């Protein structure tokens, strides 16, 4: 997970679960499509977020990511088996 301000964010290299004040973005090293992999959030409202990674979806070597906001699925996308999110570490700030 990566929590950062917009000055630190680099759209070409940053990957992982990226939380902005009004948006959450989930980017892997090989899957970087901002629109299908992001969800807009409301300001001044309590928001519950769940991100589900499903490995080997349908036994075809692909993986699935679903983003839920307040118990509603807002985004779903596939990514390859060799992709990774955030290089396996937690980064805050």
C-alpha atoms as a PDB file:
ATOM      1  CA  UNK A   1       0.000   0.000   0.000  1.00  0.00           C
ATOM      2  CA  UNK A   2       1.266   3.455  -0.821  1.00  0.00           C
ATOM      3  CA  UNK A   3      -0.127   6.612   0.741  1.00  0.00           C
ATOM      4  CA  UNK A   4       1.376   9.784  -0.708  1.00  0.00           C
ATOM      5  CA  UNK A   5       0.632  13.291  -1.794  1.00  0.00           C
ATOM      6  CA  UNK A   6       0.294  14.319  -5.419  1.00  0.00           C
ATOM      7  CA  UNK A   7       3.830  15.784  -5.461  1.00  0.00           C
ATOM      8  CA  UNK A   8       5.381  12.353  -4.737  1.00  0.00           C
ATOM      9  CA  UNK A   9       3.188  10.384  -7.158  1.00  0.00           C
ATOM     10  CA  UNK A  10       4.792   9.512 -10.512  1.00  0.00           C
ATOM     11  CA  UNK A  11       2.245   8.057 -12.933  1.00  0.00           C
ATOM     12  CA  UNK A  12       4.985   6.214 -14.858  1.00  0.00           C
ATOM     13  CA  UNK A  13       6.617   4.321 -11.988  1.00  0.00           C
ATOM     14  CA  UNK A  14       4.445   4.316  -8.851  1.00  0.00           C
ATOM     15  CA  UNK A  15       2.575   1.072  -8.281  1.00  0.00           C
ATOM     16  CA  UNK A  16       0.519  -0.493  -5.523  1.00  0.00           C
ATOM     17  CA  UNK A  17      -2.612   0.638  -3.740  1.00  0.00           C
ATOM     18  CA  UNK A  18      -2.442   4.427  -3.925  1.00  0.00           C
ATOM     19  CA  UNK A  19      -4.801   6.508  -1.787  1.00  0.00           C
ATOM     20  CA  UNK A  20      -5.491  10.108  -2.719  1.00  0.00           C
ATOM     21  CA  UNK A  21      -7.974  12.360  -0.883  1.00  0.00           C
ATOM     22  CA  UNK A  22     -10.618  11.854  -3.589  1.00  0.00           C
ATOM     23  CA  UNK A  23      -9.479   8.724  -5.421  1.00  0.00           C
ATOM     24  CA  UNK A  24      -8.040   5.256  -4.875  1.00  0.00           C
ATOM     25  CA  UNK A  25      -5.849   3.741  -7.607  1.00  0.00           C
ATOM     26  CA  UNK A  26      -4.566   0.156  -7.848  1.00  0.00           C
ATOM     27  CA  UNK A  27      -1.639  -0.151 -10.265  1.00  0.00           C
ATOM     28  CA  UNK A  28       0.716  -3.048 -10.893  1.00  0.00           C
ATOM     29  CA  UNK A  29       4.091  -2.897 -12.577  1.00  0.00           C
ATOM     30  CA  UNK A  30       2.602  -4.141 -15.861  1.00  0.00           C
ATOM     31  CA  UNK A  31      -1.022  -2.984 -15.740  1.00  0.00           C
ATOM     32  CA  UNK A  32      -1.236   0.813 -15.623  1.00  0.00           C
ATOM     33  CA  UNK A  33      -4.647   1.842 -16.980  1.00  0.00           C
ATOM     34  CA  UNK A  34      -5.771   4.602 -14.642  1.00  0.00           C
ATOM     35  CA  UNK A  35      -9.471   4.761 -15.590  1.00  0.00           C
ATOM     36  CA  UNK A  36     -10.518   1.101 -15.076  1.00  0.00           C
ATOM     37  CA  UNK A  37      -8.188   0.694 -12.084  1.00  0.00           C
ATOM     38  CA  UNK A  38      -9.356   3.649 -10.012  1.00  0.00           C
ATOM     39  CA  UNK A  39     -12.412   4.687  -8.038  1.00  0.00           C
ATOM     40  CA  UNK A  40     -13.408   8.238  -7.152  1.00  0.00           C
ATOM     41  CA  UNK A  41     -14.196   8.896  -3.486  1.00  0.00           C
ATOM     42  CA  UNK A  42     -16.401  11.511  -1.806  1.00  0.00           C
ATOM     43  CA  UNK A  43     -14.818  14.028   0.530  1.00  0.00           C
ATOM     44  CA  UNK A  44     -16.139  14.605   4.050  1.00  0.00           C
ATOM     45  CA  UNK A  45     -17.760  11.164   4.179  1.00  0.00           C
ATOM     46  CA  UNK A  46     -16.795   7.949   5.953  1.00  0.00           C
ATOM     47  CA  UNK A  47     -15.810   5.448   3.269  1.00  0.00           C
ATOM     48  CA  UNK A  48     -15.223   1.715   3.653  1.00  0.00           C
ATOM     49  CA  UNK A  49     -12.872   0.248   1.055  1.00  0.00           C
ATOM     50  CA  UNK A  50     -12.164  -3.418   0.323  1.00  0.00           C
ATOM     51  CA  UNK A  51      -9.703  -4.579  -2.324  1.00  0.00           C
ATOM     52  CA  UNK A  52      -9.786  -8.245  -3.278  1.00  0.00           C
ATOM     53  CA  UNK A  53      -6.996  -9.966  -5.221  1.00  0.00           C
ATOM     54  CA  UNK A  54      -8.042 -13.329  -6.684  1.00  0.00           C
ATOM     55  CA  UNK A  55      -5.137 -15.407  -7.974  1.00  0.00           C
ATOM     56  CA  UNK A  56      -5.359 -17.807 -10.928  1.00  0.00           C
ATOM     57  CA  UNK A  57      -8.832 -16.632 -11.909  1.00  0.00           C
ATOM     58  CA  UNK A  58     -10.649 -19.389 -13.854  1.00  0.00           C
ATOM     59  CA  UNK A  59      -7.426 -21.492 -13.764  1.00  0.00           C
ATOM     60  CA  UNK A  60      -6.008 -19.597 -16.749  1.00  0.00           C
ATOM     61  CA  UNK A  61      -2.971 -17.991 -15.111  1.00  0.00           C
ATOM     62  CA  UNK A  62      -4.616 -14.567 -14.943  1.00  0.00           C
ATOM     63  CA  UNK A  63      -5.511 -12.758 -11.737  1.00  0.00           C
ATOM     64  CA  UNK A  64      -8.463 -10.575 -10.828  1.00  0.00           C
ATOM     65  CA  UNK A  65      -8.679  -7.422  -8.712  1.00  0.00           C
ATOM     66  CA  UNK A  66     -11.960  -6.026  -7.412  1.00  0.00           C
ATOM     67  CA  UNK A  67     -12.363  -2.684  -5.632  1.00  0.00           C
ATOM     68  CA  UNK A  68     -15.397  -2.296  -3.351  1.00  0.00           C
ATOM     69  CA  UNK A  69     -16.466   1.024  -1.843  1.00  0.00           C
ATOM     70  CA  UNK A  70     -19.176   0.926   0.831  1.00  0.00           C
ATOM     71  CA  UNK A  71     -19.956  -2.719  -0.076  1.00  0.00           C
ATOM     72  CA  UNK A  72     -20.520  -1.952  -3.774  1.00  0.00           C
ATOM     73  CA  UNK A  73     -18.177  -3.241  -6.477  1.00  0.00           C
ATOM     74  CA  UNK A  74     -16.850  -0.153  -8.242  1.00  0.00           C
ATOM     75  CA  UNK A  75     -14.010  -1.579 -10.343  1.00  0.00           C
ATOM     76  CA  UNK A  76     -12.795  -4.951 -11.572  1.00  0.00           C
ATOM     77  CA  UNK A  77      -9.817  -5.731 -13.796  1.00  0.00           C
ATOM     78  CA  UNK A  78      -7.508  -8.594 -14.739  1.00  0.00           C
ATOM     79  CA  UNK A  79      -3.731  -8.609 -14.450  1.00  0.00           C
ATOM     80  CA  UNK A  80      -1.003 -11.067 -15.373  1.00  0.00           C
ATOM     81  CA  UNK A  81       0.541 -13.644 -13.052  1.00  0.00           C
ATOM     82  CA  UNK A  82       3.955 -11.990 -13.162  1.00  0.00           C
ATOM     83  CA  UNK A  83       2.683  -8.523 -12.182  1.00  0.00           C
ATOM     84  CA  UNK A  84       3.236  -7.192  -8.678  1.00  0.00           C
ATOM     85  CA  UNK A  85       1.809  -4.360  -6.610  1.00  0.00           C
ATOM     86  CA  UNK A  86       4.060  -2.078  -4.575  1.00  0.00           C
ATOM     87  CA  UNK A  87       7.125  -4.327  -4.666  1.00  0.00           C
ATOM     88  CA  UNK A  88       5.868  -6.260  -1.649  1.00  0.00           C
ATOM     89  CA  UNK A  89       6.213  -3.531   0.983  1.00  0.00           C
ATOM     90  CA  UNK A  90       4.102  -0.995   2.813  1.00  0.00           C
ATOM     91  CA  UNK A  91       4.981   2.631   2.119  1.00  0.00           C
ATOM     92  CA  UNK A  92       3.295   5.511   3.923  1.00  0.00           C
ATOM     93  CA  UNK A  93       4.287   9.116   3.205  1.00  0.00           C
END
